C-alpha cells in the first residue's frame, strides 16, 4: 500500500471540507426537487388523451366514423 503524499486535513480544513460537502448535498437535493416538480407538471395527471380534431389527407376520399 502506498503512503499518502499529503497529510490528512486537520482542524479548520477538515471542518471546511465537511461544510462544503454538506452544502453540495443541499444544492443537489434542491436541484433534484426542482427537476422532479418540472417533470410532474409537464406530464400532468394520467388520463385519457383527447381525440384528434384535425384530419389531413392527400388524394382519395376519407371515411370518418
PDB file of N, CA and C in Angstrom:
ATOM      1  N   UNK A   1       0.831  -1.170   0.000  1.00  0.00           N
ATOM      2  CA  UNK A   1       0.000   0.000   0.000  1.00  0.00           C
ATOM      3  C   UNK A   1       0.887   1.248   0.000  1.00  0.00           C
ATOM      4  N   UNK A   2       0.599   2.199  -0.842  1.00  0.00           N
ATOM      5  CA  UNK A   2       1.413   3.397  -0.965  1.00  0.00           C
ATOM      6  C   UNK A   2       1.087   4.390   0.147  1.00  0.00           C
ATOM      7  N   UNK A   3       2.092   5.131   0.571  1.00  0.00           N
ATOM      8  CA  UNK A   3       1.908   6.147   1.606  1.00  0.00           C
ATOM      9  C   UNK A   3       1.285   7.394   0.989  1.00  0.00           C
ATOM     10  N   UNK A   4       0.547   8.149   1.791  1.00  0.00           N
ATOM     11  CA  UNK A   4      -0.064   9.394   1.313  1.00  0.00           C
ATOM     12  C   UNK A   4       1.026  10.422   1.056  1.00  0.00           C
ATOM     13  N   UNK A   5       0.893  11.149  -0.045  1.00  0.00           N
ATOM     14  CA  UNK A   5       1.869  12.189  -0.350  1.00  0.00           C
ATOM     15  C   UNK A   5       1.581  13.460   0.444  1.00  0.00           C
ATOM     16  N   UNK A   6       0.320  13.661   0.845  1.00  0.00           N
ATOM     17  CA  UNK A   6      -0.041  14.813   1.673  1.00  0.00           C
ATOM     18  C   UNK A   6      -0.715  14.306   2.942  1.00  0.00           C
ATOM     19  N   UNK A   7      -0.493  14.977   4.050  1.00  0.00           N
ATOM     20  CA  UNK A   7      -1.126  14.530   5.300  1.00  0.00           C
ATOM     21  C   UNK A   7      -2.634  14.789   5.292  1.00  0.00           C
ATOM     22  N   UNK A   8      -3.372  14.074   6.145  1.00  0.00           N
ATOM     23  CA  UNK A   8      -4.809  14.276   6.266  1.00  0.00           C
ATOM     24  C   UNK A   8      -5.094  15.698   6.744  1.00  0.00           C
ATOM     25  N   UNK A   9      -6.181  16.312   6.243  1.00  0.00           N
ATOM     26  CA  UNK A   9      -6.507  17.667   6.711  1.00  0.00           C
ATOM     27  C   UNK A   9      -6.893  17.645   8.183  1.00  0.00           C
ATOM     28  N   UNK A  10      -6.478  18.667   8.906  1.00  0.00           N
ATOM     29  CA  UNK A  10      -6.768  18.731  10.333  1.00  0.00           C
ATOM     30  C   UNK A  10      -7.427  20.060  10.680  1.00  0.00           C
ATOM     31  N   UNK A  11      -8.141  20.072  11.766  1.00  0.00           N
ATOM     32  CA  UNK A  11      -8.704  21.299  12.306  1.00  0.00           C
ATOM     33  C   UNK A  11      -9.690  21.980  11.378  1.00  0.00           C
ATOM     34  N   UNK A  12      -9.400  23.245  11.081  1.00  0.00           N
ATOM     35  CA  UNK A  12     -10.333  24.075  10.317  1.00  0.00           C
ATOM     36  C   UNK A  12     -10.495  23.573   8.890  1.00  0.00           C
ATOM     37  N   UNK A  13      -9.435  23.010   8.287  1.00  0.00           N
ATOM     38  CA  UNK A  13      -9.531  22.487   6.918  1.00  0.00           C
ATOM     39  C   UNK A  13     -10.490  21.305   6.872  1.00  0.00           C
ATOM     40  N   UNK A  14     -10.463  20.461   7.874  1.00  0.00           N
ATOM     41  CA  UNK A  14     -11.369  19.312   7.935  1.00  0.00           C
ATOM     42  C   UNK A  14     -12.820  19.783   8.043  1.00  0.00           C
ATOM     43  N   UNK A  15     -13.036  20.770   8.904  1.00  0.00           N
ATOM     44  CA  UNK A  15     -14.379  21.329   9.067  1.00  0.00           C
ATOM     45  C   UNK A  15     -14.842  21.987   7.773  1.00  0.00           C
ATOM     46  N   UNK A  16     -13.934  22.705   7.104  1.00  0.00           N
ATOM     47  CA  UNK A  16     -14.277  23.373   5.855  1.00  0.00           C
ATOM     48  C   UNK A  16     -14.684  22.359   4.784  1.00  0.00           C
ATOM     49  N   UNK A  17     -13.959  21.269   4.660  1.00  0.00           N
ATOM     50  CA  UNK A  17     -14.298  20.240   3.668  1.00  0.00           C
ATOM     51  C   UNK A  17     -15.642  19.601   3.995  1.00  0.00           C
ATOM     52  N   UNK A  18     -15.905  19.381   5.276  1.00  0.00           N
ATOM     53  CA  UNK A  18     -17.187  18.813   5.690  1.00  0.00           C
ATOM     54  C   UNK A  18     -18.324  19.773   5.347  1.00  0.00           C
ATOM     55  N   UNK A  19     -18.102  21.067   5.580  1.00  0.00           N
ATOM     56  CA  UNK A  19     -19.117  22.076   5.315  1.00  0.00           C
ATOM     57  C   UNK A  19     -19.389  22.200   3.807  1.00  0.00           C
ATOM     58  N   UNK A  20     -18.354  22.156   2.987  1.00  0.00           N
ATOM     59  CA  UNK A  20     -18.528  22.225   1.537  1.00  0.00           C
ATOM     60  C   UNK A  20     -19.300  21.000   1.050  1.00  0.00           C
ATOM     61  N   UNK A  21     -18.988  19.829   1.575  1.00  0.00           N
ATOM     62  CA  UNK A  21     -19.715  18.613   1.211  1.00  0.00           C
ATOM     63  C   UNK A  21     -21.187  18.708   1.577  1.00  0.00           C
ATOM     64  N   UNK A  22     -21.473  19.239   2.731  1.00  0.00           N
ATOM     65  CA  UNK A  22     -22.858  19.414   3.167  1.00  0.00           C
ATOM     66  C   UNK A  22     -23.598  20.410   2.264  1.00  0.00           C
ATOM     67  N   UNK A  23     -22.934  21.499   1.919  1.00  0.00           N
ATOM     68  CA  UNK A  23     -23.556  22.499   1.039  1.00  0.00           C
ATOM     69  C   UNK A  23     -23.834  21.902  -0.339  1.00  0.00           C
ATOM     70  N   UNK A  24     -22.922  21.111  -0.871  1.00  0.00           N
ATOM     71  CA  UNK A  24     -23.127  20.497  -2.185  1.00  0.00           C
ATOM     72  C   UNK A  24     -24.289  19.499  -2.137  1.00  0.00           C
ATOM     73  N   UNK A  25     -24.440  18.783  -1.032  1.00  0.00           N
ATOM     74  CA  UNK A  25     -25.550  17.846  -0.891  1.00  0.00           C
ATOM     75  C   UNK A  25     -26.883  18.598  -0.886  1.00  0.00           C
ATOM     76  N   UNK A  26     -26.937  19.744  -0.222  1.00  0.00           N
ATOM     77  CA  UNK A  26     -28.166  20.546  -0.181  1.00  0.00           C
ATOM     78  C   UNK A  26     -28.495  21.063  -1.580  1.00  0.00           C
ATOM     79  N   UNK A  27     -27.489  21.539  -2.308  1.00  0.00           N
ATOM     80  CA  UNK A  27     -27.711  22.036  -3.665  1.00  0.00           C
ATOM     81  C   UNK A  27     -28.236  20.918  -4.559  1.00  0.00           C
ATOM     82  N   UNK A  28     -27.636  19.724  -4.456  1.00  0.00           N
ATOM     83  CA  UNK A  28     -28.090  18.592  -5.269  1.00  0.00           C
ATOM     84  C   UNK A  28     -29.536  18.224  -4.933  1.00  0.00           C
ATOM     85  N   UNK A  29     -29.896  18.246  -3.656  1.00  0.00           N
ATOM     86  CA  UNK A  29     -31.255  17.921  -3.234  1.00  0.00           C
ATOM     87  C   UNK A  29     -32.253  18.927  -3.795  1.00  0.00           C
ATOM     88  N   UNK A  30     -31.927  20.206  -3.708  1.00  0.00           N
ATOM     89  CA  UNK A  30     -32.824  21.257  -4.203  1.00  0.00           C
ATOM     90  C   UNK A  30     -32.990  21.142  -5.715  1.00  0.00           C
ATOM     91  N   UNK A  31     -31.900  20.936  -6.441  1.00  0.00           N
ATOM     92  CA  UNK A  31     -31.994  20.799  -7.895  1.00  0.00           C
ATOM     93  C   UNK A  31     -32.828  19.584  -8.281  1.00  0.00           C
ATOM     94  N   UNK A  32     -32.677  18.484  -7.566  1.00  0.00           N
ATOM     95  CA  UNK A  32     -33.470  17.291  -7.858  1.00  0.00           C
ATOM     96  C   UNK A  32     -34.952  17.560  -7.644  1.00  0.00           C
ATOM     97  N   UNK A  33     -35.298  18.274  -6.577  1.00  0.00           N
ATOM     98  CA  UNK A  33     -36.705  18.604  -6.322  1.00  0.00           C
ATOM     99  C   UNK A  33     -37.277  19.483  -7.431  1.00  0.00           C
ATOM    100  N   UNK A  34     -36.485  20.446  -7.899  1.00  0.00           N
ATOM    101  CA  UNK A  34     -36.939  21.337  -8.972  1.00  0.00           C
ATOM    102  C   UNK A  34     -37.190  20.543 -10.251  1.00  0.00           C
ATOM    103  N   UNK A  35     -36.269  19.653 -10.590  1.00  0.00           N
ATOM    104  CA  UNK A  35     -36.410  18.854 -11.808  1.00  0.00           C
ATOM    105  C   UNK A  35     -37.613  17.929 -11.704  1.00  0.00           C
ATOM    106  N   UNK A  36     -37.795  17.269 -10.567  1.00  0.00           N
ATOM    107  CA  UNK A  36     -38.923  16.348 -10.410  1.00  0.00           C
ATOM    108  C   UNK A  36     -40.248  17.103 -10.478  1.00  0.00           C
ATOM    109  N   UNK A  37     -40.325  18.296  -9.902  1.00  0.00           N
ATOM    110  CA  UNK A  37     -41.555  19.091  -9.965  1.00  0.00           C
ATOM    111  C   UNK A  37     -41.851  19.477 -11.408  1.00  0.00           C
ATOM    112  N   UNK A  38     -40.812  19.836 -12.151  1.00  0.00           N
ATOM    113  CA  UNK A  38     -40.988  20.210 -13.553  1.00  0.00           C
ATOM    114  C   UNK A  38     -41.480  19.026 -14.383  1.00  0.00           C
ATOM    115  N   UNK A  39     -40.936  17.856 -14.143  1.00  0.00           N
ATOM    116  CA  UNK A  39     -41.349  16.664 -14.885  1.00  0.00           C
ATOM    117  C   UNK A  39     -42.799  16.319 -14.562  1.00  0.00           C
ATOM    118  N   UNK A  40     -43.175  16.415 -13.309  1.00  0.00           N
ATOM    119  CA  UNK A  40     -44.557  16.107 -12.928  1.00  0.00           C
ATOM    120  C   UNK A  40     -45.539  17.090 -13.546  1.00  0.00           C
ATOM    121  N   UNK A  41     -45.168  18.379 -13.598  1.00  0.00           N
ATOM    122  CA  UNK A  41     -46.049  19.376 -14.210  1.00  0.00           C
ATOM    123  C   UNK A  41     -46.188  19.126 -15.705  1.00  0.00           C
ATOM    124  N   UNK A  42     -45.109  18.739 -16.346  1.00  0.00           N
ATOM    125  CA  UNK A  42     -45.123  18.535 -17.791  1.00  0.00           C
ATOM    126  C   UNK A  42     -46.030  17.377 -18.178  1.00  0.00           C
ATOM    127  N   UNK A  43     -45.939  16.279 -17.451  1.00  0.00           N
ATOM    128  CA  UNK A  43     -46.727  15.093 -17.792  1.00  0.00           C
ATOM    129  C   UNK A  43     -48.147  15.181 -17.251  1.00  0.00           C
ATOM    130  N   UNK A  44     -48.347  15.867 -16.166  1.00  0.00           N
ATOM    131  CA  UNK A  44     -49.684  16.037 -15.606  1.00  0.00           C
ATOM    132  C   UNK A  44     -50.280  14.723 -15.142  1.00  0.00           C
ATOM    133  N   UNK A  45     -51.516  14.760 -14.676  1.00  0.00           N
ATOM    134  CA  UNK A  45     -52.164  13.534 -14.217  1.00  0.00           C
ATOM    135  C   UNK A  45     -52.463  12.609 -15.395  1.00  0.00           C
ATOM    136  N   UNK A  46     -52.349  11.324 -15.141  1.00  0.00           N
ATOM    137  CA  UNK A  46     -52.610  10.338 -16.197  1.00  0.00           C
ATOM    138  C   UNK A  46     -54.112  10.259 -16.457  1.00  0.00           C
ATOM    139  N   UNK A  47     -54.487  10.487 -17.667  1.00  0.00           N
ATOM    140  CA  UNK A  47     -55.898  10.449 -18.027  1.00  0.00           C
ATOM    141  C   UNK A  47     -56.026  10.143 -19.503  1.00  0.00           C
ATOM    142  N   UNK A  48     -57.254   9.952 -19.967  1.00  0.00           N
ATOM    143  CA  UNK A  48     -57.427   9.646 -21.389  1.00  0.00           C
ATOM    144  C   UNK A  48     -57.046  10.852 -22.246  1.00  0.00           C
ATOM    145  N   UNK A  49     -56.387  10.572 -23.361  1.00  0.00           N
ATOM    146  CA  UNK A  49     -55.999  11.651 -24.256  1.00  0.00           C
ATOM    147  C   UNK A  49     -57.190  12.042 -25.116  1.00  0.00           C
ATOM    148  N   UNK A  50     -57.366  13.333 -25.387  1.00  0.00           N
ATOM    149  CA  UNK A  50     -58.488  13.756 -26.230  1.00  0.00           C
ATOM    150  C   UNK A  50     -58.296  13.279 -27.670  1.00  0.00           C
ATOM    151  N   UNK A  51     -59.407  13.059 -28.345  1.00  0.00           N
ATOM    152  CA  UNK A  51     -59.353  12.612 -29.735  1.00  0.00           C
ATOM    153  C   UNK A  51     -58.849  13.751 -30.611  1.00  0.00           C
ATOM    154  N   UNK A  52     -58.096  13.433 -31.650  1.00  0.00           N
ATOM    155  CA  UNK A  52     -57.612  14.492 -32.533  1.00  0.00           C
ATOM    156  C   UNK A  52     -58.773  15.143 -33.277  1.00  0.00           C
ATOM    157  N   UNK A  53     -58.647  16.440 -33.523  1.00  0.00           N
ATOM    158  CA  UNK A  53     -59.734  17.171 -34.156  1.00  0.00           C
ATOM    159  C   UNK A  53     -59.441  17.537 -35.604  1.00  0.00           C
ATOM    160  N   UNK A  54     -58.203  17.382 -36.054  1.00  0.00           N
ATOM    161  CA  UNK A  54     -57.840  17.745 -37.414  1.00  0.00           C
ATOM    162  C   UNK A  54     -57.416  16.500 -38.177  1.00  0.00           C
ATOM    163  N   UNK A  55     -57.958  16.349 -39.375  1.00  0.00           N
ATOM    164  CA  UNK A  55     -57.596  15.224 -40.252  1.00  0.00           C
ATOM    165  C   UNK A  55     -57.051  15.802 -41.540  1.00  0.00           C
ATOM    166  N   UNK A  56     -55.869  15.348 -41.912  1.00  0.00           N
ATOM    167  CA  UNK A  56     -55.258  15.810 -43.157  1.00  0.00           C
ATOM    168  C   UNK A  56     -55.085  14.607 -44.060  1.00  0.00           C
ATOM    169  N   UNK A  57     -55.481  14.750 -45.328  1.00  0.00           N
ATOM    170  CA  UNK A  57     -55.401  13.628 -46.265  1.00  0.00           C
ATOM    171  C   UNK A  57     -54.897  14.133 -47.601  1.00  0.00           C
ATOM    172  N   UNK A  58     -54.177  13.253 -48.298  1.00  0.00           N
ATOM    173  CA  UNK A  58     -53.720  13.575 -49.651  1.00  0.00           C
ATOM    174  C   UNK A  58     -54.462  12.663 -50.612  1.00  0.00           C
ATOM    175  N   UNK A  59     -55.215  13.246 -51.521  1.00  0.00           N
ATOM    176  CA  UNK A  59     -55.928  12.472 -52.535  1.00  0.00           C
ATOM    177  C   UNK A  59     -57.022  11.601 -51.954  1.00  0.00           C
ATOM    178  N   UNK A  60     -57.774  10.953 -52.791  1.00  0.00           N
ATOM    179  CA  UNK A  60     -58.804   9.986 -52.398  1.00  0.00           C
ATOM    180  C   UNK A  60     -59.806  10.520 -51.401  1.00  0.00           C
ATOM    181  N   UNK A  61     -60.799   9.692 -51.155  1.00  0.00           N
ATOM    182  CA  UNK A  61     -61.832  10.054 -50.203  1.00  0.00           C
ATOM    183  C   UNK A  61     -61.450   9.542 -48.814  1.00  0.00           C
ATOM    184  N   UNK A  62     -61.920  10.233 -47.793  1.00  0.00           N
ATOM    185  CA  UNK A  62     -61.671   9.836 -46.418  1.00  0.00           C
ATOM    186  C   UNK A  62     -63.004   9.532 -45.781  1.00  0.00           C
ATOM    187  N   UNK A  63     -63.104   8.341 -45.159  1.00  0.00           N
ATOM    188  CA  UNK A  63     -64.339   7.931 -44.490  1.00  0.00           C
ATOM    189  C   UNK A  63     -64.115   7.969 -42.982  1.00  0.00           C
ATOM    190  N   UNK A  64     -64.742   8.893 -42.306  1.00  0.00           N
ATOM    191  CA  UNK A  64     -64.600   9.017 -40.863  1.00  0.00           C
ATOM    192  C   UNK A  64     -65.858   8.534 -40.172  1.00  0.00           C
ATOM    193  N   UNK A  65     -65.690   7.763 -39.151  1.00  0.00           N
ATOM    194  CA  UNK A  65     -66.853   7.285 -38.389  1.00  0.00           C
ATOM    195  C   UNK A  65     -66.681   7.579 -36.939  1.00  0.00           C
TER     196      UNK A  65
END
